[in-house]
């Protein structure tokens, strides 16, 4: 057999013009919600600078940390879920709910969990410092306990539309809490700088990246003011993003955050690896017919793995309808296990590297995220922008455009707005607690239940 001919751009353009008939080639270029151009073809002749953005390290011999969310108000229920997760493939836990309110219920929830082996993180919102204190007590001073306080006051402030104290005081409280426990728990992580609240509110990828970077800088500044050395504050910080089923954009966004972190820390004289925790999108999850969510969650897990996240948290596929039961939690674990141990997605460092499209997309998103970060800093920092409502206004514009695109048919969700099952099989889920009322101090970044909101109209 003869060798395959190397196609040229000219040959491709000729074939494309023939297929387009009277339409110009420019019609094949589209723009994303950040206004970034996405071309139909990328080649070596485009002069695209290669990107190398591998994950910093493995997770105790595994490609990444399979992190399971435990949402429970009962200590016994939380403990049962935690042990089941750890015994069946999870490497770490992320706890939320009423068990975080006090050391006694939290200690009961963590009964028989070896904190020296299984990192335990918290998702406590604005009460993060109190939950961190409870976890510190529950760990009983074990110096090798791998605690992740995950204090993220700016996200909590933005989501709730306010806070009990001025946001500057909450930042100081989080930093002081970190400084107080740094000596007793040298393996502890303190902060989470996440763009998750932006994604769930309908924001763009660049807005989520800029928010995460601005939050990271604010937390580092607060840590230094509380007496933490800069390198310790930075080593105690996780970055966070949300990934959805649009996996090329999602994985490029994860890679872009690594470039942004390097741009943020290099001027500070830091050479520390990025640690990125990604969580699956909730705005993409359907409630009426939850089964297609399994496909969306698998795509999100793929994006996190190929994008190089150090830790991945996938929701149960019934999360839009309520708290997942044991079967849904098992599916969340097994989805990651299949991606890790059967698809072997972690066997190659940065598998997206070398793709002209993905390297170009990564750099474009990093530049757009950095521009949003600079805009936030020019507005006085993230807290000041939120207090003025400037950032929320930009997210609201992006949210309206996203809703309009789905309502007008420009974007589709399989099983929700297209290929709808007229008689879906139900799946059990426990009721969720009512969401807290917005405090009304600032415009909140309220979650957008995009898929679930579109379902009633699609079902008619």
Protein backbone atom coordinates (compact mmCIF):
# COMPACT_ATOMS: atom_id res chain seq x y z
CA UNK A 1 0.00 0.00 0.00
CA UNK A 2 1.12 3.50 -0.74
CA UNK A 3 1.68 6.10 1.95
CA UNK A 4 -1.17 8.43 2.87
CA UNK A 5 -0.83 11.81 1.23
CA UNK A 6 -0.32 14.74 3.56
CA UNK A 7 -3.29 17.06 3.04
CA UNK A 8 -2.63 20.74 2.52
CA UNK A 9 -4.60 23.73 3.72
CA UNK A 10 -5.25 24.69 0.13
CA UNK A 11 -6.83 21.30 -0.58
CA UNK A 12 -8.98 21.57 2.50
CA UNK A 13 -10.10 25.08 1.58
CA UNK A 14 -11.03 23.96 -1.91
CA UNK A 15 -13.14 21.11 -0.54
CA UNK A 16 -14.71 23.42 2.02
CA UNK A 17 -15.65 26.03 -0.59
CA UNK A 18 -17.25 23.35 -2.71
CA UNK A 19 -19.32 22.14 0.25
CA UNK A 20 -20.30 25.67 1.26
CA UNK A 21 -21.34 26.61 -2.28
CA UNK A 22 -21.90 30.37 -2.20
CA UNK A 23 -21.10 30.91 1.48
CA UNK A 24 -17.69 32.32 2.52
CA UNK A 25 -15.20 30.24 4.50
CA UNK A 26 -15.53 32.73 7.34
CA UNK A 27 -18.96 31.25 8.07
CA UNK A 28 -17.19 28.21 9.51
CA UNK A 29 -15.53 30.30 12.23
CA UNK A 30 -17.67 30.72 15.32
CA UNK A 31 -17.28 32.69 18.52
CA UNK A 32 -17.82 31.41 22.02
CA UNK A 33 -19.57 33.24 24.84
CA UNK A 34 -16.32 35.05 25.69
CA UNK A 35 -16.08 36.34 22.13
CA UNK A 36 -13.12 34.08 21.33
CA UNK A 37 -12.88 32.84 17.76
CA UNK A 38 -12.92 29.08 17.13
CA UNK A 39 -11.64 28.29 13.66
CA UNK A 40 -12.71 25.23 11.67
CA UNK A 41 -9.11 24.10 11.10
CA UNK A 42 -5.82 24.35 12.96
CA UNK A 43 -2.51 23.26 11.43
CA UNK A 44 1.23 23.39 12.08
CA UNK A 45 1.42 26.34 9.67
CA UNK A 46 -0.61 28.52 12.09
CA UNK A 47 2.42 29.05 14.34
CA UNK A 48 0.56 27.91 17.47
CA UNK A 49 2.88 27.90 20.47
CA UNK A 50 2.79 24.50 22.16
CA UNK A 51 1.42 24.25 25.69
CA UNK A 52 2.67 21.89 28.38
CA UNK A 53 0.30 21.81 31.35
CA UNK A 54 0.51 18.38 32.99
CA UNK A 55 -0.89 17.72 36.45
CA UNK A 56 1.68 18.34 39.12
CA UNK A 57 1.84 14.86 40.63
CA UNK A 58 -0.05 11.66 41.04
CA UNK A 59 -2.36 10.98 43.96
CA UNK A 60 -0.68 8.28 46.01
CA UNK A 61 0.15 6.25 42.93
CA UNK A 62 -3.07 7.00 41.05
CA UNK A 63 -3.44 9.38 38.17
CA UNK A 64 -5.72 11.73 40.11
CA UNK A 65 -7.59 11.96 43.40
CA UNK A 66 -11.07 10.42 43.12
CA UNK A 67 -12.93 12.69 45.53
CA UNK A 68 -16.46 11.92 46.68
CA UNK A 69 -18.96 14.46 47.98
CA UNK A 70 -20.74 13.41 51.17
CA UNK A 71 -23.89 15.44 51.76
CA UNK A 72 -25.56 14.41 55.00
CA UNK A 73 -27.01 15.99 58.12
CA UNK A 74 -26.95 12.75 60.14
CA UNK A 75 -23.52 11.71 61.43
CA UNK A 76 -24.40 8.02 61.08
CA UNK A 77 -25.53 8.50 57.47
CA UNK A 78 -22.43 10.57 56.64
CA UNK A 79 -20.17 7.96 58.21
CA UNK A 80 -21.80 5.11 56.28
CA UNK A 81 -21.44 6.98 53.00
CA UNK A 82 -17.84 7.99 53.74
CA UNK A 83 -16.71 4.47 54.59
CA UNK A 84 -18.52 2.97 51.61
CA UNK A 85 -16.87 5.48 49.30
CA UNK A 86 -13.38 4.91 50.69
CA UNK A 87 -13.76 1.13 50.66
CA UNK A 88 -14.91 1.19 47.02
CA UNK A 89 -12.41 3.36 45.25
CA UNK A 90 -12.55 6.92 46.58
CA UNK A 91 -9.29 8.48 47.74
CA UNK A 92 -10.67 11.52 49.56
CA UNK A 93 -13.91 13.05 50.81
CA UNK A 94 -15.66 16.39 50.57
CA UNK A 95 -18.17 16.86 53.41
CA UNK A 96 -21.11 19.24 53.62
CA UNK A 97 -24.28 19.49 55.67
CA UNK A 98 -25.17 19.86 59.34
CA UNK A 99 -22.40 17.48 60.46
CA UNK A 100 -19.92 20.34 60.00
CA UNK A 101 -21.49 22.49 62.70
CA UNK A 102 -19.70 20.95 65.69
CA UNK A 103 -16.73 18.66 66.46
CA UNK A 104 -18.89 15.91 67.98
CA UNK A 105 -21.13 15.19 64.95
CA UNK A 106 -18.18 15.71 62.62
CA UNK A 107 -16.08 13.28 64.63
CA UNK A 108 -18.89 10.74 64.50
CA UNK A 109 -19.19 11.25 60.74
CA UNK A 110 -15.47 10.50 60.41
CA UNK A 111 -15.42 7.48 62.71
CA UNK A 112 -12.93 4.88 61.42
CA UNK A 113 -11.71 7.24 58.67
CA UNK A 114 -7.90 7.31 58.73
CA UNK A 115 -7.20 11.01 58.28
CA UNK A 116 -3.51 10.33 57.70
CA UNK A 117 -4.42 8.33 54.57
CA UNK A 118 -7.68 9.80 53.28
CA UNK A 119 -7.78 13.59 52.88
CA UNK A 120 -11.01 15.12 54.17
CA UNK A 121 -12.26 18.41 52.78
CA UNK A 122 -15.08 20.73 53.79
CA UNK A 123 -17.79 22.50 51.82
CA UNK A 124 -19.13 24.81 54.51
CA UNK A 125 -19.72 28.09 52.69
CA UNK A 126 -19.38 31.24 54.75
CA UNK A 127 -19.12 29.10 57.91
CA UNK A 128 -15.84 27.64 56.65
CA UNK A 129 -13.72 28.83 59.62
CA UNK A 130 -16.12 27.27 62.16
CA UNK A 131 -16.14 24.02 60.20
CA UNK A 132 -12.32 24.14 59.98
CA UNK A 133 -12.13 24.48 63.77
CA UNK A 134 -14.48 21.52 64.15
CA UNK A 135 -12.36 19.41 61.80
CA UNK A 136 -9.19 20.39 63.64
CA UNK A 137 -10.72 19.20 66.91
CA UNK A 138 -12.03 16.00 65.32
CA UNK A 139 -8.54 15.22 63.99
CA UNK A 140 -7.29 15.15 67.60
CA UNK A 141 -4.03 16.91 66.83
CA UNK A 142 -2.65 14.16 64.59
CA UNK A 143 0.23 15.98 62.87
CA UNK A 144 0.00 13.90 59.70
CA UNK A 145 -3.76 14.39 59.28
CA UNK A 146 -4.48 15.44 55.72
CA UNK A 147 -7.10 18.09 56.31
CA UNK A 148 -8.53 20.32 53.59
CA UNK A 149 -10.37 23.22 55.21
CA UNK A 150 -11.34 24.54 51.76
CA UNK A 151 -12.29 27.98 53.11
CA UNK A 152 -13.71 29.98 50.19
CA UNK A 153 -15.40 33.08 51.65
CA UNK A 154 -15.63 35.06 48.41
CA UNK A 155 -17.57 32.32 46.62
CA UNK A 156 -19.91 32.00 49.60
CA UNK A 157 -20.40 35.76 49.70
CA UNK A 158 -21.20 35.89 45.99
CA UNK A 159 -23.58 32.93 46.11
CA UNK A 160 -25.53 34.13 49.15
CA UNK A 161 -25.67 37.77 48.13
CA UNK A 162 -24.03 38.84 51.37
CA UNK A 163 -22.59 37.61 54.63
CA UNK A 164 -23.11 38.07 58.38
CA UNK A 165 -20.04 40.33 58.58
CA UNK A 166 -18.30 42.59 56.08
CA UNK A 167 -16.56 40.40 53.52
CA UNK A 168 -13.15 41.80 54.51
CA UNK A 169 -13.71 40.42 58.02
CA UNK A 170 -14.61 37.00 56.64
CA UNK A 171 -11.37 36.96 54.64
CA UNK A 172 -9.42 37.89 57.76
CA UNK A 173 -11.24 35.26 59.80
CA UNK A 174 -10.41 32.55 57.26
CA UNK A 175 -6.76 33.59 57.17
CA UNK A 176 -6.48 33.73 60.97
CA UNK A 177 -8.05 30.28 61.21
CA UNK A 178 -5.48 28.95 58.76
CA UNK A 179 -2.60 30.55 60.66
CA UNK A 180 -3.88 29.14 63.96
CA UNK A 181 -3.92 25.54 62.70
CA UNK A 182 -0.85 25.65 60.46
CA UNK A 183 1.55 24.61 63.21
CA UNK A 184 -0.48 21.68 64.54
CA UNK A 185 -1.36 20.36 61.09
CA UNK A 186 1.60 20.78 58.72
CA UNK A 187 -0.14 18.64 56.07
CA UNK A 188 -3.31 20.74 56.13
CA UNK A 189 -4.63 22.76 53.21
CA UNK A 190 -6.48 25.95 54.02
CA UNK A 191 -8.13 27.71 51.10
CA UNK A 192 -10.10 27.02 47.94
CA UNK A 193 -10.15 29.64 45.19
CA UNK A 194 -12.88 28.38 42.92
CA UNK A 195 -14.76 29.62 39.88
CA UNK A 196 -17.57 27.14 40.53
CA UNK A 197 -20.11 29.73 41.68
CA UNK A 198 -19.60 31.62 38.40
CA UNK A 199 -20.16 28.57 36.21
CA UNK A 200 -23.28 27.50 38.10
CA UNK A 201 -24.70 31.02 37.77
CA UNK A 202 -24.36 30.85 33.98
CA UNK A 203 -21.02 32.62 33.64
CA UNK A 204 -18.45 32.04 30.93
CA UNK A 205 -15.20 30.11 31.12
CA UNK A 206 -13.12 33.28 31.19
CA UNK A 207 -15.28 34.76 33.96
CA UNK A 208 -14.81 31.61 36.05
CA UNK A 209 -11.04 31.69 35.46
CA UNK A 210 -10.79 35.37 36.37
CA UNK A 211 -12.89 34.88 39.51
CA UNK A 212 -10.71 31.97 40.66
CA UNK A 213 -7.50 33.91 40.07
CA UNK A 214 -8.79 37.02 41.86
CA UNK A 215 -10.02 34.90 44.77
CA UNK A 216 -6.62 33.20 45.00
CA UNK A 217 -4.83 36.53 45.17
CA UNK A 218 -7.20 37.84 47.85
CA UNK A 219 -6.68 34.70 49.95
CA UNK A 220 -2.90 34.88 49.60
CA UNK A 221 -2.92 38.52 50.70
CA UNK A 222 -5.13 37.71 53.69
CA UNK A 223 -2.89 34.79 54.63
CA UNK A 224 0.22 36.96 54.62
CA UNK A 225 -1.52 39.59 56.76
CA UNK A 226 -2.45 36.84 59.22
CA UNK A 227 1.21 35.85 59.58
CA UNK A 228 1.44 32.92 57.18
CA UNK A 229 4.60 32.83 55.07
CA UNK A 230 3.77 33.38 51.43
CA UNK A 231 4.94 29.93 50.35
CA UNK A 232 2.89 28.26 53.11
CA UNK A 233 -0.24 30.20 52.18
CA UNK A 234 0.27 29.22 48.54
CA UNK A 235 0.96 25.56 49.37
CA UNK A 236 -2.24 25.54 51.40
CA UNK A 237 -4.41 26.71 48.50
CA UNK A 238 -6.43 24.65 46.02
CA UNK A 239 -7.83 26.12 42.82
CA UNK A 240 -11.29 25.04 41.74
CA UNK A 241 -13.30 24.88 38.52
CA UNK A 242 -16.50 23.29 37.27
CA UNK A 243 -16.48 21.13 34.15
CA UNK A 244 -19.45 20.19 31.99
CA UNK A 245 -20.15 17.93 29.04
CA UNK A 246 -18.58 20.33 26.51
CA UNK A 247 -15.35 18.51 27.15
CA UNK A 248 -12.96 20.23 24.74
CA UNK A 249 -13.72 23.64 26.23
CA UNK A 250 -13.78 22.20 29.75
CA UNK A 251 -10.40 20.50 29.52
CA UNK A 252 -8.85 23.55 27.86
CA UNK A 253 -10.19 25.68 30.71
CA UNK A 254 -8.51 23.42 33.28
CA UNK A 255 -5.23 23.69 31.39
CA UNK A 256 -5.70 27.46 31.11
CA UNK A 257 -6.02 27.79 34.89
CA UNK A 258 -2.59 26.19 35.25
CA UNK A 259 -1.11 28.85 32.97
CA UNK A 260 -2.89 31.60 34.91
CA UNK A 261 -1.54 30.27 38.22
CA UNK A 262 1.99 30.35 36.79
CA UNK A 263 1.43 33.94 35.65
CA UNK A 264 0.10 34.88 39.10
CA UNK A 265 2.82 33.23 41.20
CA UNK A 266 5.96 33.82 39.12
CA UNK A 267 6.13 37.56 39.96
CA UNK A 268 5.81 36.57 43.63
CA UNK A 269 8.92 34.40 43.38
CA UNK A 270 6.95 31.19 43.85
CA UNK A 271 7.59 28.00 41.93
CA UNK A 272 4.81 25.83 43.28
CA UNK A 273 2.74 23.27 41.40
CA UNK A 274 -0.89 24.03 40.74
CA UNK A 275 -3.50 21.91 42.49
CA UNK A 276 -6.86 21.97 40.75
CA UNK A 277 -10.06 20.40 42.03
CA UNK A 278 -12.79 20.14 39.41
CA UNK A 279 -16.42 19.46 40.16
CA UNK A 280 -19.06 18.39 37.69
CA UNK A 281 -21.56 20.97 36.54
CA UNK A 282 -24.98 21.01 38.18
CA UNK A 283 -26.51 23.39 35.66
CA UNK A 284 -26.25 20.61 33.03
CA UNK A 285 -28.12 18.01 35.11
CA UNK A 286 -31.72 17.11 34.25
CA UNK A 287 -34.29 16.19 36.91
CA UNK A 288 -37.24 14.72 35.00
CA UNK A 289 -35.10 12.24 33.06
CA UNK A 290 -31.86 11.81 34.99
CA UNK A 291 -30.43 8.88 33.03
CA UNK A 292 -28.77 10.92 30.24
CA UNK A 293 -26.94 12.71 33.06
CA UNK A 294 -24.69 9.64 33.23
CA UNK A 295 -23.35 10.54 29.79
CA UNK A 296 -22.90 14.19 30.73
CA UNK A 297 -21.07 13.26 33.94
CA UNK A 298 -18.80 10.86 32.07
CA UNK A 299 -17.91 13.63 29.62
CA UNK A 300 -17.19 15.98 32.53
CA UNK A 301 -14.98 13.36 34.19
CA UNK A 302 -13.14 12.88 30.89
CA UNK A 303 -12.54 16.64 30.67
CA UNK A 304 -11.17 16.81 34.19
CA UNK A 305 -8.89 13.83 33.66
CA UNK A 306 -7.52 14.89 30.27
CA UNK A 307 -7.28 18.50 31.44
CA UNK A 308 -4.98 17.36 34.24
CA UNK A 309 -6.99 18.08 37.38
CA UNK A 310 -5.43 16.77 40.57
CA UNK A 311 -8.84 15.93 42.06
CA UNK A 312 -12.20 15.22 40.43
CA UNK A 313 -15.62 15.30 42.12
CA UNK A 314 -18.58 13.93 40.15
CA UNK A 315 -22.13 14.38 41.38
CA UNK A 316 -24.63 11.56 41.45
CA UNK A 317 -26.70 11.51 38.28
CA UNK A 318 -29.90 12.25 40.27
CA UNK A 319 -28.49 15.35 42.00
CA UNK A 320 -30.87 17.73 40.19
CA UNK A 321 -33.81 15.93 41.83
CA UNK A 322 -32.31 15.42 45.28
CA UNK A 323 -29.49 13.86 47.25
CA UNK A 324 -28.19 10.77 45.45
CA UNK A 325 -28.89 7.33 46.89
CA UNK A 326 -26.38 4.48 47.18
CA UNK A 327 -26.81 3.44 43.53
CA UNK A 328 -26.24 6.96 42.20
CA UNK A 329 -23.18 7.37 44.43
CA UNK A 330 -21.84 4.06 43.15
CA UNK A 331 -22.23 5.27 39.59
CA UNK A 332 -20.34 8.46 40.45
CA UNK A 333 -17.44 6.43 41.85
CA UNK A 334 -17.41 3.85 39.10
CA UNK A 335 -17.48 6.44 36.32
CA UNK A 336 -14.15 7.74 37.54
CA UNK A 337 -12.76 4.26 38.13
CA UNK A 338 -13.55 3.25 34.56
CA UNK A 339 -11.93 6.42 33.21
CA UNK A 340 -8.88 5.85 35.38
CA UNK A 341 -8.36 2.08 35.40
CA UNK A 342 -9.98 0.90 32.17
CA UNK A 343 -9.70 3.89 29.83
CA UNK A 344 -6.26 4.69 31.34
CA UNK A 345 -6.73 8.43 30.91
CA UNK A 346 -3.98 9.14 33.41
CA UNK A 347 -1.30 7.07 31.71
CA UNK A 348 -0.11 10.03 29.61
CA UNK A 349 0.97 13.38 30.99
CA UNK A 350 -1.12 16.15 29.45
CA UNK A 351 -2.63 14.12 26.58
CA UNK A 352 -4.06 17.31 25.05
CA UNK A 353 -0.55 18.68 24.44
CA UNK A 354 0.36 18.82 20.78
CA UNK A 355 -3.16 19.31 19.53
CA UNK A 356 -3.05 22.56 17.61
CA UNK A 357 -6.69 23.24 18.41
CA UNK A 358 -6.48 22.45 22.13
CA UNK A 359 -3.20 24.32 22.60
CA UNK A 360 -4.64 27.37 20.82
CA UNK A 361 -7.87 27.09 22.81
CA UNK A 362 -5.93 26.79 26.07
CA UNK A 363 -3.92 29.91 25.36
CA UNK A 364 -6.98 31.87 24.22
CA UNK A 365 -8.89 30.96 27.38
CA UNK A 366 -5.90 31.73 29.58
CA UNK A 367 -5.57 35.17 27.98
CA UNK A 368 -9.31 35.85 28.35
CA UNK A 369 -9.29 34.64 31.97
CA UNK A 370 -6.26 36.80 32.72
CA UNK A 371 -8.00 39.79 31.17
CA UNK A 372 -11.02 39.21 33.43
CA UNK A 373 -8.67 38.91 36.42
CA UNK A 374 -7.01 42.21 35.50
CA UNK A 375 -10.42 43.82 35.13
CA UNK A 376 -11.40 42.64 38.60
CA UNK A 377 -8.17 43.98 40.07
CA UNK A 378 -8.73 47.30 38.30
CA UNK A 379 -12.14 47.44 39.98
CA UNK A 380 -10.42 47.24 43.36
CA UNK A 381 -10.24 43.46 43.70
CA UNK A 382 -12.87 40.76 43.67
CA UNK A 383 -14.60 41.83 46.89
CA UNK A 384 -14.90 45.43 45.71
CA UNK A 385 -16.25 44.36 42.32
CA UNK A 386 -18.87 42.18 43.99
CA UNK A 387 -19.88 44.95 46.36
CA UNK A 388 -20.29 47.32 43.42
CA UNK A 389 -22.21 44.73 41.40
CA UNK A 390 -19.88 45.09 38.41
CA UNK A 391 -18.90 41.44 38.14
CA UNK A 392 -22.45 40.19 38.69
CA UNK A 393 -23.64 42.41 35.84
CA UNK A 394 -21.20 40.74 33.45
CA UNK A 395 -22.26 37.28 34.60
CA UNK A 396 -25.94 38.21 34.27
CA UNK A 397 -25.34 39.22 30.66
CA UNK A 398 -23.63 35.88 29.96
CA UNK A 399 -26.40 33.99 31.72
CA UNK A 400 -29.10 35.68 29.65
CA UNK A 401 -27.24 34.86 26.44
CA UNK A 402 -26.90 31.21 27.47
CA UNK A 403 -30.59 30.89 28.29
CA UNK A 404 -31.52 32.59 25.02
CA UNK A 405 -29.30 30.23 23.01
CA UNK A 406 -31.02 27.19 24.51
CA UNK A 407 -34.51 28.67 24.27
CA UNK A 408 -33.96 29.58 20.63
CA UNK A 409 -32.60 26.20 19.65
CA UNK A 410 -29.06 27.39 18.99
CA UNK A 411 -27.82 25.03 21.68
CA UNK A 412 -29.32 21.68 22.65
CA UNK A 413 -29.25 19.22 25.53
CA UNK A 414 -29.80 15.59 24.61
CA UNK A 415 -32.72 14.18 26.56
CA UNK A 416 -33.86 17.66 27.56
CA UNK A 417 -34.48 19.72 24.43
CA UNK A 418 -33.68 17.08 21.83
CA UNK A 419 -34.35 13.33 21.67
CA UNK A 420 -36.64 13.56 24.68
CA UNK A 421 -37.88 10.32 26.19
CA UNK A 422 -41.68 10.70 26.55
CA UNK A 423 -41.78 8.15 29.36
CA UNK A 424 -38.56 8.38 31.35
CA UNK A 425 -37.80 5.92 34.12
CA UNK A 426 -37.72 7.60 37.51
CA UNK A 427 -34.70 7.31 39.79
CA UNK A 428 -34.90 7.73 43.57
CA UNK A 429 -33.34 10.70 45.34
CA UNK A 430 -33.72 12.06 48.86
CA UNK A 431 -35.18 15.56 49.28
CA UNK A 432 -32.71 18.41 49.37
CA UNK A 433 -32.88 21.00 52.14
CA UNK A 434 -34.36 24.30 50.97
CA UNK A 435 -31.74 26.71 49.67
CA UNK A 436 -30.89 29.60 51.97
CA UNK A 437 -32.59 32.88 51.20
CA UNK A 438 -30.47 35.52 49.51
CA UNK A 439 -29.24 38.09 52.03
CA UNK A 440 -29.86 41.03 49.71
CA UNK A 441 -26.65 42.91 50.47
CA UNK A 442 -25.34 42.44 46.94
CA UNK A 443 -26.73 40.91 43.76
CA UNK A 444 -26.16 37.16 44.25
CA UNK A 445 -24.66 34.75 41.76
CA UNK A 446 -27.65 32.42 41.98
CA UNK A 447 -27.40 28.90 40.51
CA UNK A 448 -28.93 28.40 37.09
CA UNK A 449 -30.70 25.02 36.85
CA UNK A 450 -30.43 25.17 33.09
CA UNK A 451 -31.31 21.60 32.12
CA UNK A 452 -33.98 21.17 34.79
CA UNK A 453 -35.61 24.48 33.86
CA UNK A 454 -35.84 23.49 30.21
CA UNK A 455 -37.40 20.09 30.88
CA UNK A 456 -41.09 20.96 31.43
CA UNK A 457 -41.32 22.77 28.11
CA UNK A 458 -39.48 19.95 26.33
CA UNK A 459 -41.78 17.34 27.81
CA UNK A 460 -44.98 18.90 26.47
